[in-house]
């Protein structure tokens, strides 16, 4: 069963690419649904970023509340993509 994760990284110029369903909330803030462990997802993202770039990956127990993010973000979360 996939889990919802929130990813923030400190290099908004770098686009993170993952095979899992994901939606960018902003250039540096991403929601992703993944079957990977926290550690595997963290390392998959880390290896795409320039060295020493700040990174935070956190599992979410439920969908977050937010506003002012990219178009379609709330729809993506609600439909459980």
N, C-alpha and C. Protein backbone atom coordinates (compact mmCIF):
# COMPACT_ATOMS: atom_id res chain seq x y z
N UNK A 1 0.84 -1.18 0.00
CA UNK A 1 0.00 0.00 0.00
C UNK A 1 0.88 1.24 0.00
N UNK A 2 0.60 2.16 -0.90
CA UNK A 2 1.44 3.35 -0.99
C UNK A 2 1.15 4.32 0.14
N UNK A 3 2.16 5.08 0.44
CA UNK A 3 2.11 6.06 1.51
C UNK A 3 2.32 7.45 0.91
N UNK A 4 1.74 8.46 1.54
CA UNK A 4 1.90 9.83 1.08
C UNK A 4 3.11 10.45 1.77
N UNK A 5 3.98 11.09 0.98
CA UNK A 5 5.17 11.73 1.50
C UNK A 5 5.21 13.19 1.05
N UNK A 6 5.80 14.03 1.88
CA UNK A 6 6.07 15.41 1.53
C UNK A 6 7.58 15.55 1.39
N UNK A 7 7.99 16.12 0.28
CA UNK A 7 9.42 16.31 0.00
C UNK A 7 9.68 17.81 -0.18
N UNK A 8 10.66 18.33 0.52
CA UNK A 8 11.16 19.69 0.32
C UNK A 8 12.64 19.60 0.05
N UNK A 9 13.10 20.36 -0.94
CA UNK A 9 14.54 20.43 -1.19
C UNK A 9 14.95 21.87 -1.44
N UNK A 10 16.18 22.16 -1.19
CA UNK A 10 16.69 23.53 -1.23
C UNK A 10 17.21 24.00 -2.57
N UNK A 11 16.83 23.35 -3.67
CA UNK A 11 17.28 23.79 -4.99
C UNK A 11 16.09 23.82 -5.95
N UNK A 12 15.29 24.89 -5.91
CA UNK A 12 14.09 24.94 -6.74
C UNK A 12 14.36 24.88 -8.25
N UNK A 13 15.61 25.07 -8.66
CA UNK A 13 15.95 24.98 -10.08
C UNK A 13 16.04 23.53 -10.56
N UNK A 14 16.18 22.58 -9.64
CA UNK A 14 16.30 21.18 -10.01
C UNK A 14 14.94 20.50 -9.94
N UNK A 15 14.53 19.92 -11.06
CA UNK A 15 13.26 19.18 -11.11
C UNK A 15 13.52 17.74 -10.69
N UNK A 16 12.82 17.28 -9.69
CA UNK A 16 12.94 15.90 -9.21
C UNK A 16 12.02 15.02 -10.06
N UNK A 17 12.55 13.90 -10.53
CA UNK A 17 11.78 12.95 -11.34
C UNK A 17 11.68 11.64 -10.58
N UNK A 18 10.46 11.16 -10.38
CA UNK A 18 10.22 9.88 -9.73
C UNK A 18 9.19 9.10 -10.54
N UNK A 19 9.26 7.77 -10.47
CA UNK A 19 8.31 6.93 -11.20
C UNK A 19 6.93 6.93 -10.54
N UNK A 20 6.88 7.28 -9.27
CA UNK A 20 5.63 7.25 -8.52
C UNK A 20 4.74 8.46 -8.87
N UNK A 21 3.44 8.34 -8.57
CA UNK A 21 2.56 9.50 -8.73
C UNK A 21 3.04 10.63 -7.82
N UNK A 22 3.16 11.82 -8.40
CA UNK A 22 3.63 12.95 -7.62
C UNK A 22 3.00 14.23 -8.14
N UNK A 23 2.98 15.23 -7.29
CA UNK A 23 2.48 16.55 -7.69
C UNK A 23 3.33 17.60 -6.99
N UNK A 24 3.89 18.51 -7.78
CA UNK A 24 4.68 19.60 -7.21
C UNK A 24 3.74 20.65 -6.66
N UNK A 25 3.91 20.96 -5.39
CA UNK A 25 3.14 22.04 -4.77
C UNK A 25 3.77 23.38 -5.10
N UNK A 26 5.09 23.39 -5.22
CA UNK A 26 5.91 24.52 -5.63
C UNK A 26 7.16 23.91 -6.27
N UNK A 27 8.07 24.73 -6.73
CA UNK A 27 9.27 24.19 -7.39
C UNK A 27 10.12 23.35 -6.45
N UNK A 28 10.03 23.60 -5.15
CA UNK A 28 10.87 22.89 -4.20
C UNK A 28 10.08 22.05 -3.19
N UNK A 29 8.79 21.87 -3.43
CA UNK A 29 7.91 21.18 -2.49
C UNK A 29 7.01 20.21 -3.26
N UNK A 30 7.09 18.92 -2.93
CA UNK A 30 6.44 17.88 -3.72
C UNK A 30 5.67 16.93 -2.82
N UNK A 31 4.49 16.52 -3.27
CA UNK A 31 3.78 15.40 -2.65
C UNK A 31 3.99 14.19 -3.55
N UNK A 32 4.23 13.04 -2.95
CA UNK A 32 4.41 11.81 -3.73
C UNK A 32 3.77 10.65 -2.99
N UNK A 33 3.17 9.74 -3.75
CA UNK A 33 2.65 8.49 -3.19
C UNK A 33 3.62 7.39 -3.61
N UNK A 34 4.12 6.67 -2.63
CA UNK A 34 5.17 5.69 -2.93
C UNK A 34 5.05 4.45 -2.06
N UNK A 35 5.48 3.33 -2.63
CA UNK A 35 5.62 2.09 -1.87
C UNK A 35 7.03 1.96 -1.29
N UNK A 36 7.91 2.87 -1.63
CA UNK A 36 9.28 2.82 -1.12
C UNK A 36 9.30 3.15 0.37
N UNK A 37 10.33 2.70 1.03
CA UNK A 37 10.55 3.10 2.42
C UNK A 37 10.99 4.56 2.43
N UNK A 38 10.91 5.18 3.58
CA UNK A 38 11.35 6.56 3.73
C UNK A 38 12.80 6.69 3.26
N UNK A 39 13.65 5.78 3.69
CA UNK A 39 15.07 5.84 3.34
C UNK A 39 15.29 5.71 1.83
N UNK A 40 14.61 4.79 1.18
CA UNK A 40 14.79 4.60 -0.27
C UNK A 40 14.30 5.82 -1.06
N UNK A 41 13.18 6.38 -0.62
CA UNK A 41 12.68 7.57 -1.30
C UNK A 41 13.63 8.75 -1.09
N UNK A 42 14.08 8.93 0.13
CA UNK A 42 15.05 9.99 0.45
C UNK A 42 16.27 9.89 -0.46
N UNK A 43 16.84 8.71 -0.58
CA UNK A 43 18.06 8.54 -1.39
C UNK A 43 17.77 8.72 -2.88
N UNK A 44 16.60 8.31 -3.34
CA UNK A 44 16.24 8.51 -4.75
C UNK A 44 16.20 9.99 -5.09
N UNK A 45 15.72 10.80 -4.17
CA UNK A 45 15.67 12.24 -4.39
C UNK A 45 17.05 12.85 -4.19
N UNK A 46 17.73 12.45 -3.15
CA UNK A 46 19.06 13.01 -2.82
C UNK A 46 20.02 12.89 -4.00
N UNK A 47 19.99 11.76 -4.70
CA UNK A 47 20.93 11.54 -5.80
C UNK A 47 20.62 12.39 -7.03
N UNK A 48 19.46 13.04 -7.05
CA UNK A 48 19.11 13.92 -8.17
C UNK A 48 19.48 15.38 -7.91
N UNK A 49 19.84 15.69 -6.69
CA UNK A 49 20.12 17.07 -6.30
C UNK A 49 21.62 17.34 -6.27
N UNK A 50 22.00 18.61 -6.48
CA UNK A 50 23.41 18.95 -6.32
C UNK A 50 23.89 18.61 -4.91
N UNK A 51 25.14 18.27 -4.81
CA UNK A 51 25.73 17.90 -3.52
C UNK A 51 25.51 19.01 -2.49
N UNK A 52 25.26 18.60 -1.26
CA UNK A 52 25.06 19.50 -0.12
C UNK A 52 23.78 20.34 -0.20
N UNK A 53 22.83 19.93 -1.03
CA UNK A 53 21.54 20.62 -1.10
C UNK A 53 20.67 20.16 0.08
N UNK A 54 20.02 21.09 0.74
CA UNK A 54 19.12 20.76 1.84
C UNK A 54 17.99 19.88 1.32
N UNK A 55 17.58 18.91 2.16
CA UNK A 55 16.53 17.98 1.76
C UNK A 55 15.78 17.49 2.99
N UNK A 56 14.46 17.42 2.86
CA UNK A 56 13.61 16.86 3.91
C UNK A 56 12.55 15.99 3.24
N UNK A 57 12.43 14.75 3.68
CA UNK A 57 11.41 13.83 3.18
C UNK A 57 10.67 13.31 4.40
N UNK A 58 9.34 13.45 4.40
CA UNK A 58 8.56 13.05 5.57
C UNK A 58 7.29 12.32 5.15
N UNK A 59 7.00 11.19 5.81
CA UNK A 59 5.73 10.52 5.55
C UNK A 59 4.60 11.33 6.21
N UNK A 60 3.44 11.31 5.58
CA UNK A 60 2.28 12.02 6.12
C UNK A 60 1.20 11.02 6.51
N UNK A 61 0.66 11.17 7.69
CA UNK A 61 -0.41 10.28 8.16
C UNK A 61 -1.72 10.56 7.43
N UNK A 62 -1.90 11.79 6.97
CA UNK A 62 -3.09 12.17 6.21
C UNK A 62 -2.72 13.32 5.28
N UNK A 63 -3.64 13.65 4.39
CA UNK A 63 -3.38 14.73 3.44
C UNK A 63 -3.24 16.05 4.19
N UNK A 64 -2.28 16.86 3.80
CA UNK A 64 -2.09 18.15 4.47
C UNK A 64 -3.13 19.17 4.01
N UNK A 65 -3.32 20.19 4.79
CA UNK A 65 -4.15 21.34 4.39
C UNK A 65 -3.19 22.39 3.85
N UNK A 66 -3.60 23.04 2.77
CA UNK A 66 -2.74 24.06 2.17
C UNK A 66 -3.56 24.96 1.27
N UNK A 67 -2.96 26.09 0.91
CA UNK A 67 -3.56 26.99 -0.09
C UNK A 67 -2.43 27.71 -0.80
N UNK A 68 -2.74 28.24 -1.96
CA UNK A 68 -1.75 29.00 -2.71
C UNK A 68 -0.67 28.17 -3.38
N UNK A 69 -0.94 26.89 -3.57
CA UNK A 69 0.04 26.03 -4.23
C UNK A 69 -0.30 25.92 -5.71
N UNK A 70 0.40 25.09 -6.46
CA UNK A 70 0.20 24.97 -7.89
C UNK A 70 -1.22 24.49 -8.22
N UNK A 71 -1.64 24.83 -9.42
CA UNK A 71 -2.97 24.43 -9.89
C UNK A 71 -3.10 22.91 -9.87
N UNK A 72 -4.22 22.44 -9.38
CA UNK A 72 -4.51 21.01 -9.37
C UNK A 72 -3.99 20.26 -8.16
N UNK A 73 -3.27 20.91 -7.28
CA UNK A 73 -2.67 20.21 -6.13
C UNK A 73 -3.74 19.63 -5.21
N UNK A 74 -4.73 20.41 -4.88
CA UNK A 74 -5.78 19.93 -3.97
C UNK A 74 -6.57 18.80 -4.63
N UNK A 75 -6.87 18.92 -5.90
CA UNK A 75 -7.57 17.85 -6.63
C UNK A 75 -6.74 16.57 -6.61
N UNK A 76 -5.43 16.68 -6.82
CA UNK A 76 -4.55 15.53 -6.83
C UNK A 76 -4.60 14.81 -5.49
N UNK A 77 -4.53 15.55 -4.40
CA UNK A 77 -4.55 14.95 -3.07
C UNK A 77 -5.90 14.28 -2.81
N UNK A 78 -6.97 14.96 -3.14
CA UNK A 78 -8.30 14.43 -2.87
C UNK A 78 -8.62 13.18 -3.67
N UNK A 79 -8.12 13.09 -4.88
CA UNK A 79 -8.45 11.92 -5.68
C UNK A 79 -7.55 10.72 -5.34
N UNK A 80 -6.52 10.97 -4.54
CA UNK A 80 -5.67 9.88 -4.07
C UNK A 80 -4.78 9.31 -5.16
N UNK A 81 -4.35 10.14 -6.09
CA UNK A 81 -3.51 9.69 -7.20
C UNK A 81 -2.21 9.09 -6.72
